[in-house]
Amino acid sequence: MYRFEGPRKEVLTWHDVDALIDHLIPQFNAAYDALLMITRGGIIPGGLIAEALDIRDVLTAAVEFSTGVEKTLSWPSFLQFPAQALLRGKRILVIDDVWDSGRTIMSVKGRVEQSGGYPELAVLHYKPKESLFPNEAPHYYAALTDAWIIYPWETDRKPRTVPIISPG
């Protein structure tokens, strides 16, 4: 008999995501000048939060880490990041779906700070046991977990061949 030894998996529905967003919204205690979504996981929660908080300046950051290298030794590559002028002197709400190791969101936080911005970090799920940053945490999170989270936007949506039905 096969026994799964990996982390517990939790598959979320869109209703679950709505509930997580509803839990996050009242936690925000400031007016933000912009919202910075980390691609790809932060795009959907970021869009929902931007709409709920009526934040019109929505920015994106794309970060990549090398594969095959010890995860604590890899430096981030910023594939996309807002110009300093868009961040300097501004309160920036940084959104991602999950804080696992924390490398991605902490890299974005550092880059926002280097640009003269004031970041606050928010995620749907925070995994403190997995974090490489024991003295740091998101300012806001909707749930603590140790599970492998599968969000509804991560389901299989690959293009499929659709049969053509001829009238007749």
N, C-alpha and C. Protein backbone atom coordinates (compact mmCIF):
# COMPACT_ATOMS: atom_id res chain seq x y z
N MET A 1 0.84 -1.19 0.00
CA MET A 1 0.00 0.00 0.00
C MET A 1 0.88 1.24 0.00
N TYR A 2 0.52 2.22 -0.83
CA TYR A 2 1.28 3.48 -0.91
C TYR A 2 0.88 4.39 0.24
N ARG A 3 1.87 4.98 0.85
CA ARG A 3 1.60 5.92 1.94
C ARG A 3 2.26 7.24 1.59
N PHE A 4 1.48 8.31 1.56
CA PHE A 4 2.01 9.63 1.24
C PHE A 4 2.78 10.18 2.43
N GLU A 5 4.05 10.50 2.22
CA GLU A 5 4.91 10.98 3.30
C GLU A 5 5.16 12.48 3.27
N GLY A 6 4.69 13.15 2.23
CA GLY A 6 4.93 14.58 2.10
C GLY A 6 3.99 15.40 2.98
N PRO A 7 4.06 16.71 2.80
CA PRO A 7 3.19 17.57 3.60
C PRO A 7 1.72 17.35 3.24
N ARG A 8 0.87 17.60 4.21
CA ARG A 8 -0.57 17.51 4.00
C ARG A 8 -0.97 18.52 2.93
N LYS A 9 -1.83 18.10 2.00
CA LYS A 9 -2.29 18.98 0.94
C LYS A 9 -3.67 19.52 1.28
N GLU A 10 -3.88 20.79 0.97
CA GLU A 10 -5.18 21.41 1.18
C GLU A 10 -5.57 22.10 -0.14
N VAL A 11 -6.66 21.63 -0.74
CA VAL A 11 -7.14 22.18 -1.99
C VAL A 11 -8.26 23.18 -1.67
N LEU A 12 -8.04 24.44 -2.06
CA LEU A 12 -9.00 25.49 -1.75
C LEU A 12 -9.98 25.71 -2.89
N THR A 13 -11.16 26.17 -2.53
CA THR A 13 -12.16 26.57 -3.50
C THR A 13 -12.15 28.09 -3.60
N TRP A 14 -12.87 28.63 -4.58
CA TRP A 14 -13.00 30.08 -4.69
C TRP A 14 -13.71 30.64 -3.45
N HIS A 15 -14.63 29.89 -2.90
CA HIS A 15 -15.32 30.31 -1.67
C HIS A 15 -14.31 30.44 -0.52
N ASP A 16 -13.38 29.49 -0.43
CA ASP A 16 -12.33 29.54 0.60
C ASP A 16 -11.48 30.81 0.45
N VAL A 17 -11.13 31.13 -0.79
CA VAL A 17 -10.32 32.33 -1.06
C VAL A 17 -11.10 33.58 -0.65
N ASP A 18 -12.38 33.63 -0.98
CA ASP A 18 -13.22 34.76 -0.55
C ASP A 18 -13.19 34.92 0.96
N ALA A 19 -13.31 33.82 1.68
CA ALA A 19 -13.29 33.87 3.14
C ALA A 19 -11.95 34.37 3.67
N LEU A 20 -10.85 33.94 3.04
CA LEU A 20 -9.53 34.41 3.45
C LEU A 20 -9.38 35.92 3.21
N ILE A 21 -9.83 36.38 2.06
CA ILE A 21 -9.78 37.81 1.75
C ILE A 21 -10.64 38.60 2.75
N ASP A 22 -11.83 38.08 3.03
CA ASP A 22 -12.71 38.73 4.01
C ASP A 22 -12.06 38.81 5.39
N HIS A 23 -11.22 37.84 5.71
CA HIS A 23 -10.50 37.86 6.99
C HIS A 23 -9.35 38.87 6.98
N LEU A 24 -8.74 39.06 5.83
CA LEU A 24 -7.61 40.00 5.70
C LEU A 24 -8.05 41.47 5.72
N ILE A 25 -9.10 41.78 4.99
CA ILE A 25 -9.50 43.17 4.75
C ILE A 25 -9.58 44.00 6.05
N PRO A 26 -10.26 43.54 7.10
CA PRO A 26 -10.35 44.37 8.31
C PRO A 26 -9.02 44.58 9.04
N GLN A 27 -8.01 43.77 8.73
CA GLN A 27 -6.72 43.90 9.40
C GLN A 27 -5.93 45.12 8.92
N PHE A 28 -6.15 45.55 7.69
CA PHE A 28 -5.38 46.66 7.14
C PHE A 28 -5.76 47.94 7.88
N ASN A 29 -4.74 48.61 8.43
CA ASN A 29 -5.02 49.77 9.27
C ASN A 29 -4.44 51.06 8.72
N ALA A 30 -4.19 51.10 7.44
CA ALA A 30 -3.57 52.30 6.87
C ALA A 30 -4.11 52.53 5.46
N ALA A 31 -3.95 53.74 5.01
CA ALA A 31 -4.22 54.05 3.61
C ALA A 31 -2.93 53.80 2.85
N TYR A 32 -3.01 53.08 1.76
CA TYR A 32 -1.82 52.75 0.97
C TYR A 32 -1.80 53.58 -0.30
N ASP A 33 -0.60 53.94 -0.71
CA ASP A 33 -0.43 54.68 -1.95
C ASP A 33 -0.48 53.76 -3.16
N ALA A 34 -0.08 52.50 -2.96
CA ALA A 34 -0.07 51.54 -4.06
C ALA A 34 -0.08 50.13 -3.49
N LEU A 35 -0.48 49.20 -4.33
CA LEU A 35 -0.47 47.79 -4.00
C LEU A 35 0.50 47.12 -4.97
N LEU A 36 1.39 46.30 -4.44
CA LEU A 36 2.40 45.60 -5.24
C LEU A 36 2.13 44.10 -5.15
N MET A 37 1.69 43.53 -6.26
CA MET A 37 1.38 42.10 -6.32
C MET A 37 2.61 41.34 -6.80
N ILE A 38 2.93 40.25 -6.11
CA ILE A 38 4.03 39.40 -6.53
C ILE A 38 3.46 38.33 -7.45
N THR A 39 4.03 38.26 -8.67
CA THR A 39 3.53 37.27 -9.64
C THR A 39 4.09 35.91 -9.28
N ARG A 40 3.36 34.92 -9.55
CA ARG A 40 2.02 34.87 -10.08
C ARG A 40 1.01 34.71 -8.97
N GLY A 41 1.42 34.16 -7.84
CA GLY A 41 0.48 33.85 -6.77
C GLY A 41 -0.24 35.04 -6.18
N GLY A 42 0.37 36.21 -6.20
CA GLY A 42 -0.26 37.37 -5.59
C GLY A 42 -1.20 38.14 -6.50
N ILE A 43 -1.29 37.73 -7.76
CA ILE A 43 -2.11 38.50 -8.70
C ILE A 43 -3.60 38.46 -8.34
N ILE A 44 -4.14 37.29 -8.11
CA ILE A 44 -5.58 37.21 -7.83
C ILE A 44 -5.92 37.79 -6.46
N PRO A 45 -5.22 37.39 -5.37
CA PRO A 45 -5.56 38.03 -4.10
C PRO A 45 -5.29 39.54 -4.14
N GLY A 46 -4.24 39.95 -4.84
CA GLY A 46 -3.94 41.38 -4.95
C GLY A 46 -5.04 42.15 -5.65
N GLY A 47 -5.56 41.58 -6.73
CA GLY A 47 -6.66 42.23 -7.44
C GLY A 47 -7.89 42.35 -6.60
N LEU A 48 -8.21 41.30 -5.84
CA LEU A 48 -9.39 41.33 -4.97
C LEU A 48 -9.22 42.38 -3.86
N ILE A 49 -8.02 42.44 -3.30
CA ILE A 49 -7.76 43.41 -2.22
C ILE A 49 -7.74 44.83 -2.76
N ALA A 50 -7.14 45.03 -3.93
CA ALA A 50 -7.12 46.37 -4.54
C ALA A 50 -8.54 46.86 -4.78
N GLU A 51 -9.40 46.00 -5.24
CA GLU A 51 -10.81 46.37 -5.47
C GLU A 51 -11.49 46.70 -4.15
N ALA A 52 -11.31 45.86 -3.15
CA ALA A 52 -11.97 46.06 -1.85
C ALA A 52 -11.51 47.34 -1.16
N LEU A 53 -10.22 47.67 -1.28
CA LEU A 53 -9.66 48.86 -0.62
C LEU A 53 -9.66 50.08 -1.53
N ASP A 54 -10.14 49.92 -2.75
CA ASP A 54 -10.18 51.00 -3.74
C ASP A 54 -8.78 51.58 -4.00
N ILE A 55 -7.81 50.68 -4.12
CA ILE A 55 -6.45 51.09 -4.46
C ILE A 55 -6.32 51.07 -5.98
N ARG A 56 -6.00 52.20 -6.55
CA ARG A 56 -5.96 52.31 -8.01
C ARG A 56 -4.56 52.13 -8.59
N ASP A 57 -3.53 52.39 -7.81
CA ASP A 57 -2.16 52.19 -8.27
C ASP A 57 -1.75 50.76 -7.93
N VAL A 58 -1.83 49.89 -8.93
CA VAL A 58 -1.53 48.47 -8.75
C VAL A 58 -0.29 48.14 -9.57
N LEU A 59 0.72 47.61 -8.89
CA LEU A 59 2.02 47.33 -9.50
C LEU A 59 2.31 45.83 -9.39
N THR A 60 3.28 45.36 -10.17
CA THR A 60 3.66 43.94 -10.10
C THR A 60 5.17 43.79 -9.96
N ALA A 61 5.54 42.71 -9.30
CA ALA A 61 6.94 42.32 -9.17
C ALA A 61 7.04 40.84 -9.53
N ALA A 62 8.01 40.50 -10.36
CA ALA A 62 8.27 39.11 -10.71
C ALA A 62 9.67 38.76 -10.24
N VAL A 63 9.75 37.74 -9.41
CA VAL A 63 11.03 37.33 -8.80
C VAL A 63 11.27 35.87 -9.12
N GLU A 64 12.53 35.56 -9.42
CA GLU A 64 12.89 34.17 -9.72
C GLU A 64 14.17 33.83 -8.96
N PHE A 65 14.20 32.60 -8.45
CA PHE A 65 15.40 32.09 -7.80
C PHE A 65 15.94 30.94 -8.64
N SER A 66 17.24 30.79 -8.67
CA SER A 66 17.87 29.70 -9.41
C SER A 66 17.41 28.37 -8.86
N THR A 67 17.26 27.40 -9.75
CA THR A 67 16.94 26.05 -9.29
C THR A 67 18.22 25.25 -9.24
N GLY A 68 18.22 24.21 -8.43
CA GLY A 68 19.38 23.35 -8.34
C GLY A 68 20.46 23.88 -7.40
N VAL A 69 20.21 25.02 -6.78
CA VAL A 69 21.16 25.60 -5.83
C VAL A 69 20.53 25.50 -4.44
N GLU A 70 21.34 25.28 -3.45
CA GLU A 70 20.85 25.28 -2.07
C GLU A 70 19.98 26.51 -1.88
N LYS A 71 18.74 26.32 -1.38
CA LYS A 71 17.78 27.42 -1.38
C LYS A 71 18.22 28.63 -0.55
N THR A 72 19.09 28.44 0.39
CA THR A 72 19.55 29.60 1.16
C THR A 72 20.70 30.33 0.49
N LEU A 73 21.25 29.76 -0.60
CA LEU A 73 22.39 30.39 -1.26
C LEU A 73 22.01 31.14 -2.54
N SER A 74 20.81 30.97 -3.02
CA SER A 74 20.39 31.55 -4.29
C SER A 74 19.99 33.02 -4.14
N TRP A 75 20.47 33.88 -5.04
CA TRP A 75 20.10 35.29 -5.06
C TRP A 75 18.91 35.47 -5.99
N PRO A 76 18.03 36.41 -5.69
CA PRO A 76 16.87 36.60 -6.56
C PRO A 76 17.22 37.35 -7.84
N SER A 77 16.50 37.01 -8.89
CA SER A 77 16.52 37.79 -10.12
C SER A 77 15.17 38.47 -10.22
N PHE A 78 15.18 39.77 -10.40
CA PHE A 78 13.93 40.50 -10.56
C PHE A 78 13.64 40.61 -12.04
N LEU A 79 12.65 39.86 -12.49
CA LEU A 79 12.28 39.85 -13.90
C LEU A 79 11.45 41.08 -14.24
N GLN A 80 10.77 41.59 -13.24
CA GLN A 80 9.94 42.78 -13.39
C GLN A 80 9.85 43.45 -12.03
N PHE A 81 9.97 44.78 -12.00
CA PHE A 81 9.86 45.50 -10.75
C PHE A 81 9.55 46.97 -11.06
N PRO A 82 8.70 47.60 -10.25
CA PRO A 82 8.36 49.00 -10.51
C PRO A 82 9.57 49.93 -10.39
N ALA A 83 9.51 51.02 -11.12
CA ALA A 83 10.57 52.04 -11.05
C ALA A 83 10.58 52.67 -9.66
N GLN A 84 11.76 53.13 -9.24
CA GLN A 84 11.91 53.76 -7.92
C GLN A 84 10.93 54.91 -7.72
N ALA A 85 10.69 55.69 -8.75
CA ALA A 85 9.81 56.85 -8.64
C ALA A 85 8.39 56.46 -8.23
N LEU A 86 7.97 55.24 -8.56
CA LEU A 86 6.63 54.79 -8.20
C LEU A 86 6.54 54.34 -6.74
N LEU A 87 7.69 54.15 -6.10
CA LEU A 87 7.74 53.63 -4.73
C LEU A 87 8.25 54.63 -3.70
N ARG A 88 9.11 55.53 -4.12
CA ARG A 88 9.80 56.45 -3.21
C ARG A 88 8.81 57.27 -2.37
N GLY A 89 8.95 57.15 -1.05
CA GLY A 89 8.14 57.91 -0.11
C GLY A 89 6.71 57.44 0.03
N LYS A 90 6.40 56.27 -0.52
CA LYS A 90 5.01 55.80 -0.52
C LYS A 90 4.82 54.56 0.35
N ARG A 91 3.62 54.45 0.89
CA ARG A 91 3.23 53.25 1.64
C ARG A 91 2.75 52.21 0.64
N ILE A 92 3.42 51.08 0.63
CA ILE A 92 3.16 50.05 -0.37
C ILE A 92 2.66 48.78 0.32
N LEU A 93 1.50 48.31 -0.07
CA LEU A 93 0.99 47.04 0.42
C LEU A 93 1.45 45.95 -0.55
N VAL A 94 2.30 45.05 -0.06
CA VAL A 94 2.87 43.97 -0.87
C VAL A 94 2.04 42.71 -0.61
N ILE A 95 1.55 42.10 -1.71
CA ILE A 95 0.65 40.95 -1.60
C ILE A 95 1.24 39.72 -2.30
N ASP A 96 1.18 38.58 -1.60
CA ASP A 96 1.49 37.29 -2.22
C ASP A 96 0.50 36.27 -1.66
N ASP A 97 0.45 35.10 -2.27
CA ASP A 97 -0.50 34.10 -1.79
C ASP A 97 -0.01 33.40 -0.52
N VAL A 98 1.27 33.02 -0.50
CA VAL A 98 1.77 32.25 0.64
C VAL A 98 3.19 32.68 1.01
N TRP A 99 3.45 32.72 2.30
CA TRP A 99 4.81 32.91 2.83
C TRP A 99 5.25 31.52 3.25
N ASP A 100 6.09 30.91 2.43
CA ASP A 100 6.61 29.59 2.73
C ASP A 100 8.00 29.80 3.33
N SER A 101 9.02 29.86 2.50
CA SER A 101 10.37 30.16 3.00
C SER A 101 10.49 31.65 3.32
N GLY A 102 9.68 32.46 2.64
CA GLY A 102 9.74 33.91 2.83
C GLY A 102 10.73 34.60 1.91
N ARG A 103 11.48 33.85 1.12
CA ARG A 103 12.52 34.45 0.27
C ARG A 103 11.95 35.47 -0.71
N THR A 104 10.87 35.12 -1.38
CA THR A 104 10.34 35.99 -2.42
C THR A 104 9.83 37.30 -1.83
N ILE A 105 8.95 37.22 -0.86
CA ILE A 105 8.35 38.44 -0.32
C ILE A 105 9.38 39.29 0.42
N MET A 106 10.36 38.66 1.06
CA MET A 106 11.39 39.43 1.74
C MET A 106 12.33 40.11 0.74
N SER A 107 12.55 39.48 -0.41
CA SER A 107 13.34 40.11 -1.47
C SER A 107 12.63 41.34 -2.00
N VAL A 108 11.31 41.22 -2.19
CA VAL A 108 10.52 42.35 -2.66
C VAL A 108 10.50 43.45 -1.61
N LYS A 109 10.33 43.08 -0.36
CA LYS A 109 10.35 44.07 0.73
C LYS A 109 11.65 44.86 0.71
N GLY A 110 12.78 44.16 0.60
CA GLY A 110 14.08 44.83 0.58
C GLY A 110 14.22 45.77 -0.59
N ARG A 111 13.73 45.35 -1.73
CA ARG A 111 13.83 46.20 -2.93
C ARG A 111 12.94 47.43 -2.81
N VAL A 112 11.75 47.30 -2.22
CA VAL A 112 10.88 48.45 -1.99
C VAL A 112 11.56 49.43 -1.03
N GLU A 113 12.15 48.90 0.05
CA GLU A 113 12.86 49.75 1.01
C GLU A 113 14.04 50.45 0.36
N GLN A 114 14.80 49.75 -0.49
CA GLN A 114 15.93 50.36 -1.21
C GLN A 114 15.46 51.49 -2.12
N SER A 115 14.23 51.39 -2.59
CA SER A 115 13.66 52.42 -3.46
C SER A 115 13.08 53.59 -2.68
N GLY A 116 13.13 53.51 -1.36
CA GLY A 116 12.61 54.58 -0.52
C GLY A 116 11.15 54.43 -0.16
N GLY A 117 10.57 53.25 -0.40
CA GLY A 117 9.18 53.00 -0.06
C GLY A 117 9.04 52.37 1.31
N TYR A 118 7.80 52.31 1.78
CA TYR A 118 7.48 51.77 3.10
C TYR A 118 6.55 50.58 2.92
N PRO A 119 7.11 49.37 2.82
CA PRO A 119 6.28 48.20 2.54
C PRO A 119 5.61 47.62 3.78
N GLU A 120 4.39 47.14 3.59
CA GLU A 120 3.72 46.28 4.55
C GLU A 120 3.37 45.01 3.79
N LEU A 121 3.56 43.85 4.44
CA LEU A 121 3.46 42.56 3.77
C LEU A 121 2.19 41.83 4.17
N ALA A 122 1.48 41.29 3.16
CA ALA A 122 0.25 40.54 3.42
C ALA A 122 0.24 39.27 2.57
N VAL A 123 -0.19 38.18 3.17
CA VAL A 123 -0.32 36.90 2.47
C VAL A 123 -1.61 36.22 2.93
N LEU A 124 -2.09 35.32 2.09
CA LEU A 124 -3.24 34.52 2.51
C LEU A 124 -2.81 33.49 3.54
N HIS A 125 -1.68 32.80 3.29
CA HIS A 125 -1.21 31.75 4.19
C HIS A 125 0.22 32.02 4.63
N TYR A 126 0.45 31.86 5.92
CA TYR A 126 1.77 32.04 6.51
C TYR A 126 2.20 30.71 7.12
N LYS A 127 3.43 30.27 6.75
CA LYS A 127 4.00 29.02 7.26
C LYS A 127 5.23 29.34 8.11
N PRO A 128 5.04 29.70 9.37
CA PRO A 128 6.19 30.10 10.19
C PRO A 128 7.24 29.01 10.36
N LYS A 129 6.85 27.75 10.34
CA LYS A 129 7.82 26.66 10.51
C LYS A 129 8.73 26.50 9.30
N GLU A 130 8.30 26.98 8.13
CA GLU A 130 9.08 26.87 6.91
C GLU A 130 9.93 28.11 6.64
N SER A 131 9.67 29.18 7.36
CA SER A 131 10.30 30.46 7.08
C SER A 131 11.80 30.44 7.35
N LEU A 132 12.54 31.05 6.44
CA LEU A 132 13.98 31.22 6.61
C LEU A 132 14.29 32.51 7.37
N PHE A 133 13.25 33.23 7.78
CA PHE A 133 13.39 34.52 8.45
C PHE A 133 12.71 34.46 9.81
N PRO A 134 13.38 33.88 10.81
CA PRO A 134 12.73 33.67 12.11
C PRO A 134 12.36 34.96 12.83
N ASN A 135 13.00 36.06 12.49
CA ASN A 135 12.70 37.33 13.17
C ASN A 135 11.79 38.23 12.34
N GLU A 136 11.24 37.69 11.26
CA GLU A 136 10.34 38.44 10.39
C GLU A 136 9.05 37.65 10.21
N ALA A 137 8.00 38.37 9.87
CA ALA A 137 6.70 37.75 9.58
C ALA A 137 5.90 38.74 8.76
N PRO A 138 4.87 38.26 8.06
CA PRO A 138 4.03 39.21 7.35
C PRO A 138 3.29 40.09 8.36
N HIS A 139 3.03 41.33 7.96
CA HIS A 139 2.24 42.21 8.82
C HIS A 139 0.82 41.69 8.95
N TYR A 140 0.32 41.09 7.86
CA TYR A 140 -1.05 40.59 7.81
C TYR A 140 -1.07 39.22 7.14
N TYR A 141 -1.86 38.32 7.68
CA TYR A 141 -2.09 37.03 7.05
C TYR A 141 -3.47 36.54 7.45
N ALA A 142 -4.05 35.71 6.60
CA ALA A 142 -5.39 35.22 6.86
C ALA A 142 -5.39 33.90 7.62
N ALA A 143 -4.34 33.07 7.42
CA ALA A 143 -4.31 31.76 8.07
C ALA A 143 -2.87 31.29 8.27
N LEU A 144 -2.66 30.58 9.37
CA LEU A 144 -1.41 29.87 9.62
C LEU A 144 -1.59 28.45 9.12
N THR A 145 -0.55 27.88 8.53
CA THR A 145 -0.66 26.51 8.04
C THR A 145 0.70 25.85 7.96
N ASP A 146 0.68 24.55 7.86
CA ASP A 146 1.88 23.79 7.52
C ASP A 146 1.59 22.91 6.31
N ALA A 147 0.40 23.09 5.72
CA ALA A 147 -0.02 22.28 4.58
C ALA A 147 0.52 22.83 3.27
N TRP A 148 0.53 21.98 2.26
CA TRP A 148 0.81 22.38 0.89
C TRP A 148 -0.52 22.89 0.35
N ILE A 149 -0.61 24.19 0.09
CA ILE A 149 -1.86 24.82 -0.34
C ILE A 149 -1.96 24.80 -1.86
N ILE A 150 -3.10 24.37 -2.35
CA ILE A 150 -3.38 24.41 -3.78
C ILE A 150 -4.56 25.35 -3.97
N TYR A 151 -4.27 26.51 -4.57
CA TYR A 151 -5.28 27.53 -4.79
C TYR A 151 -6.10 27.20 -6.03
N PRO A 152 -7.33 27.72 -6.13
CA PRO A 152 -8.16 27.38 -7.29
C PRO A 152 -7.57 27.83 -8.62
N TRP A 153 -6.72 28.86 -8.61
CA TRP A 153 -6.11 29.31 -9.87
C TRP A 153 -4.92 28.43 -10.26
N GLU A 154 -4.56 27.47 -9.43
CA GLU A 154 -3.46 26.56 -9.75
C GLU A 154 -3.95 25.23 -10.32
N THR A 155 -5.23 25.10 -10.53
CA THR A 155 -5.75 23.86 -11.09
C THR A 155 -5.41 23.80 -12.57
N ASP A 156 -5.58 22.65 -13.14
CA ASP A 156 -5.23 22.43 -14.55
C ASP A 156 -6.15 23.21 -15.46
N ARG A 157 -5.62 24.24 -16.12
CA ARG A 157 -6.39 25.04 -17.06
C ARG A 157 -5.68 25.09 -18.41
N LYS A 158 -4.96 24.05 -18.73
CA LYS A 158 -4.23 24.03 -20.00
C LYS A 158 -5.22 24.02 -21.17
N PRO A 159 -4.83 24.61 -22.29
CA PRO A 159 -5.73 24.62 -23.46
C PRO A 159 -6.07 23.20 -23.88
N ARG A 160 -7.30 23.04 -24.25
CA ARG A 160 -7.76 21.74 -24.71
C ARG A 160 -8.34 21.89 -26.12
N THR A 161 -8.31 20.81 -26.83
CA THR A 161 -8.94 20.80 -28.15
C THR A 161 -10.45 20.68 -27.95
N VAL A 162 -11.17 21.61 -28.55
CA VAL A 162 -12.62 21.59 -28.46
C VAL A 162 -13.16 21.05 -29.77
N PRO A 163 -13.97 20.02 -29.72
CA PRO A 163 -14.49 19.47 -30.98
C PRO A 163 -15.43 20.46 -31.65
N ILE A 164 -15.34 20.51 -32.94
CA ILE A 164 -16.23 21.38 -33.71
C ILE A 164 -17.48 20.59 -34.04
N ILE A 165 -18.59 21.13 -33.66
CA ILE A 165 -19.87 20.48 -33.92
C ILE A 165 -20.52 21.19 -35.09
N SER A 166 -20.71 20.47 -36.15
CA SER A 166 -21.33 21.09 -37.32
C SER A 166 -22.85 20.95 -37.24
N PRO A 167 -23.54 22.00 -37.69
CA PRO A 167 -25.00 21.93 -37.65
C PRO A 167 -25.49 20.82 -38.56
N GLY A 168 -26.50 20.18 -38.12
CA GLY A 168 -26.92 19.25 -39.07
C GLY A 168 -27.75 18.16 -38.85
